[in-house]
C-alpha cells in the first residue's frame, strides 16, 4: 500500500494501512543500497525533511548500531556490543518508498 509522504504529516495511518505496509528489513535495504551504490550522504539528501536525525538514522539502517557499555542492575559492567539489526523492519516511509521504487 502506498501512503503519500505528505499525508503522513497530517494524519495517523489507519491500523489496516499499518498492517498491510511492506515488510522491508534493514538487511534487505542494505543489499539494495549496496547494489545501487547509495551513500549515506545520498540517502540523507533524499530523506532530509522526512526523517528526524536523518544522518544517524541512515547510518543505523546501513551499518547497525552499537549498544553502549553500561552497568546492569547488579552493578556488573556490560561491554559495548555491535548489533547489525538485520531483521529490524524499516518504519521510515521515505526509505520504504525508495526501496519500492528501486528494487
C-alpha atoms as a PDB file:
ATOM      1  CA  UNK A   1       0.000   0.000   0.000  1.00  0.00           C
ATOM      2  CA  UNK A   2       1.334   3.423  -0.873  1.00  0.00           C
ATOM      3  CA  UNK A   3       0.737   6.293   1.532  1.00  0.00           C
ATOM      4  CA  UNK A   4       1.948   9.628   0.183  1.00  0.00           C
ATOM      5  CA  UNK A   5       4.553  11.189   2.455  1.00  0.00           C
ATOM      6  CA  UNK A   6       2.581  14.431   2.611  1.00  0.00           C
ATOM      7  CA  UNK A   7      -0.376  12.565   4.132  1.00  0.00           C
ATOM      8  CA  UNK A   8       1.795  11.128   6.910  1.00  0.00           C
ATOM      9  CA  UNK A   9       2.462  14.579   8.288  1.00  0.00           C
ATOM     10  CA  UNK A  10      -1.232  15.405   8.588  1.00  0.00           C
ATOM     11  CA  UNK A  11      -2.827  12.160   9.767  1.00  0.00           C
ATOM     12  CA  UNK A  12      -2.133   8.950  11.613  1.00  0.00           C
ATOM     13  CA  UNK A  13      -2.307   5.895   9.299  1.00  0.00           C
ATOM     14  CA  UNK A  14      -5.205   3.533   9.969  1.00  0.00           C
ATOM     15  CA  UNK A  15      -4.431   0.139  11.529  1.00  0.00           C
ATOM     16  CA  UNK A  16      -5.197  -1.700   8.262  1.00  0.00           C
ATOM     17  CA  UNK A  17      -2.708   0.554   6.440  1.00  0.00           C
ATOM     18  CA  UNK A  18      -0.081  -0.255   9.037  1.00  0.00           C
ATOM     19  CA  UNK A  19      -0.757  -3.974   8.851  1.00  0.00           C
ATOM     20  CA  UNK A  20      -0.640  -4.014   5.043  1.00  0.00           C
ATOM     21  CA  UNK A  21       2.532  -1.927   4.816  1.00  0.00           C
ATOM     22  CA  UNK A  22       5.503  -3.633   3.160  1.00  0.00           C
ATOM     23  CA  UNK A  23       7.907  -5.510   5.412  1.00  0.00           C
ATOM     24  CA  UNK A  24      11.368  -4.342   4.386  1.00  0.00           C
ATOM     25  CA  UNK A  25      14.164  -5.234   6.759  1.00  0.00           C
ATOM     26  CA  UNK A  26      17.358  -3.300   7.397  1.00  0.00           C
ATOM     27  CA  UNK A  27      19.256  -6.190   5.730  1.00  0.00           C
ATOM     28  CA  UNK A  28      17.114  -6.031   2.567  1.00  0.00           C
ATOM     29  CA  UNK A  29      17.540  -2.263   2.385  1.00  0.00           C
ATOM     30  CA  UNK A  30      21.323  -2.613   2.856  1.00  0.00           C
ATOM     31  CA  UNK A  31      21.520  -5.065  -0.045  1.00  0.00           C
ATOM     32  CA  UNK A  32      19.642  -2.679  -2.322  1.00  0.00           C
ATOM     33  CA  UNK A  33      21.704   0.316  -1.160  1.00  0.00           C
ATOM     34  CA  UNK A  34      24.904  -1.616  -1.868  1.00  0.00           C
ATOM     35  CA  UNK A  35      23.692  -2.737  -5.291  1.00  0.00           C
ATOM     36  CA  UNK A  36      22.621   0.825  -6.183  1.00  0.00           C
ATOM     37  CA  UNK A  37      25.798   2.270  -4.606  1.00  0.00           C
ATOM     38  CA  UNK A  38      23.794   4.624  -2.406  1.00  0.00           C
ATOM     39  CA  UNK A  39      25.918   6.521   0.079  1.00  0.00           C
ATOM     40  CA  UNK A  40      24.799   7.807   3.461  1.00  0.00           C
ATOM     41  CA  UNK A  41      25.080  11.318   2.014  1.00  0.00           C
ATOM     42  CA  UNK A  42      22.808  10.453  -0.947  1.00  0.00           C
ATOM     43  CA  UNK A  43      20.185   8.830   1.286  1.00  0.00           C
ATOM     44  CA  UNK A  44      20.250  11.729   3.755  1.00  0.00           C
ATOM     45  CA  UNK A  45      19.619  14.128   0.859  1.00  0.00           C
ATOM     46  CA  UNK A  46      16.631  12.024  -0.221  1.00  0.00           C
ATOM     47  CA  UNK A  47      15.110  11.906   3.270  1.00  0.00           C
ATOM     48  CA  UNK A  48      16.389  15.048   4.995  1.00  0.00           C
ATOM     49  CA  UNK A  49      12.985  16.668   5.540  1.00  0.00           C
ATOM     50  CA  UNK A  50      11.046  13.493   6.308  1.00  0.00           C
ATOM     51  CA  UNK A  51      13.152  11.728   8.966  1.00  0.00           C
ATOM     52  CA  UNK A  52      14.289  13.041  12.331  1.00  0.00           C
ATOM     53  CA  UNK A  53      18.078  12.924  12.685  1.00  0.00           C
ATOM     54  CA  UNK A  54      18.488  11.623   9.108  1.00  0.00           C
ATOM     55  CA  UNK A  55      22.250  11.016   9.226  1.00  0.00           C
ATOM     56  CA  UNK A  56      22.098   8.922  12.407  1.00  0.00           C
ATOM     57  CA  UNK A  57      19.002   7.079  11.179  1.00  0.00           C
ATOM     58  CA  UNK A  58      20.514   6.206   7.786  1.00  0.00           C
ATOM     59  CA  UNK A  59      23.776   5.102   9.406  1.00  0.00           C
ATOM     60  CA  UNK A  60      21.822   2.829  11.763  1.00  0.00           C
ATOM     61  CA  UNK A  61      19.942   1.280   8.835  1.00  0.00           C
ATOM     62  CA  UNK A  62      23.103   0.762   6.757  1.00  0.00           C
ATOM     63  CA  UNK A  63      25.590  -0.125   9.479  1.00  0.00           C
ATOM     64  CA  UNK A  64      23.653  -1.320  12.506  1.00  0.00           C
ATOM     65  CA  UNK A  65      24.073   0.160  15.956  1.00  0.00           C
ATOM     66  CA  UNK A  66      26.432  -0.056  18.867  1.00  0.00           C
ATOM     67  CA  UNK A  67      24.841  -0.555  22.233  1.00  0.00           C
ATOM     68  CA  UNK A  68      26.944   1.435  24.690  1.00  0.00           C
ATOM     69  CA  UNK A  69      28.604  -0.254  27.632  1.00  0.00           C
ATOM     70  CA  UNK A  70      26.682   0.045  30.862  1.00  0.00           C
ATOM     71  CA  UNK A  71      26.260  -1.375  34.345  1.00  0.00           C
ATOM     72  CA  UNK A  72      23.402  -3.805  34.874  1.00  0.00           C
ATOM     73  CA  UNK A  73      21.088  -3.750  37.910  1.00  0.00           C
ATOM     74  CA  UNK A  74      23.679  -5.668  39.974  1.00  0.00           C
ATOM     75  CA  UNK A  75      26.458  -3.238  39.080  1.00  0.00           C
ATOM     76  CA  UNK A  76      28.181  -5.667  36.685  1.00  0.00           C
ATOM     77  CA  UNK A  77      29.778  -3.972  33.668  1.00  0.00           C
ATOM     78  CA  UNK A  78      28.245  -4.975  30.339  1.00  0.00           C
ATOM     79  CA  UNK A  79      30.669  -4.275  27.493  1.00  0.00           C
ATOM     80  CA  UNK A  80      29.503  -2.341  24.436  1.00  0.00           C
ATOM     81  CA  UNK A  81      28.439  -4.513  21.522  1.00  0.00           C
ATOM     82  CA  UNK A  82      27.518  -4.010  17.902  1.00  0.00           C
ATOM     83  CA  UNK A  83      24.179  -5.190  16.524  1.00  0.00           C
ATOM     84  CA  UNK A  84      23.516  -5.342  12.789  1.00  0.00           C
ATOM     85  CA  UNK A  85      19.729  -5.084  13.296  1.00  0.00           C
ATOM     86  CA  UNK A  86      19.305  -7.207  10.136  1.00  0.00           C
ATOM     87  CA  UNK A  87      15.790  -8.398  10.953  1.00  0.00           C
ATOM     88  CA  UNK A  88      14.511  -4.985  12.050  1.00  0.00           C
ATOM     89  CA  UNK A  89      11.666  -3.781   9.839  1.00  0.00           C
ATOM     90  CA  UNK A  90      12.137  -0.290   8.418  1.00  0.00           C
ATOM     91  CA  UNK A  91       9.452   2.080   9.764  1.00  0.00           C
ATOM     92  CA  UNK A  92      10.553   5.085   7.709  1.00  0.00           C
ATOM     93  CA  UNK A  93       8.220   5.786   4.765  1.00  0.00           C
ATOM     94  CA  UNK A  94      10.818   7.665   2.680  1.00  0.00           C
ATOM     95  CA  UNK A  95      13.126   4.635   2.837  1.00  0.00           C
ATOM     96  CA  UNK A  96      10.264   2.251   2.117  1.00  0.00           C
ATOM     97  CA  UNK A  97       9.325   4.328  -0.934  1.00  0.00           C
ATOM     98  CA  UNK A  98      12.933   4.413  -2.168  1.00  0.00           C
ATOM     99  CA  UNK A  99      13.132   0.643  -1.773  1.00  0.00           C
ATOM    100  CA  UNK A 100       9.871   0.061  -3.630  1.00  0.00           C
ATOM    101  CA  UNK A 101      10.851   2.415  -6.426  1.00  0.00           C
ATOM    102  CA  UNK A 102      14.326   0.963  -6.990  1.00  0.00           C
ATOM    103  CA  UNK A 103      14.080  -2.729  -6.104  1.00  0.00           C
END
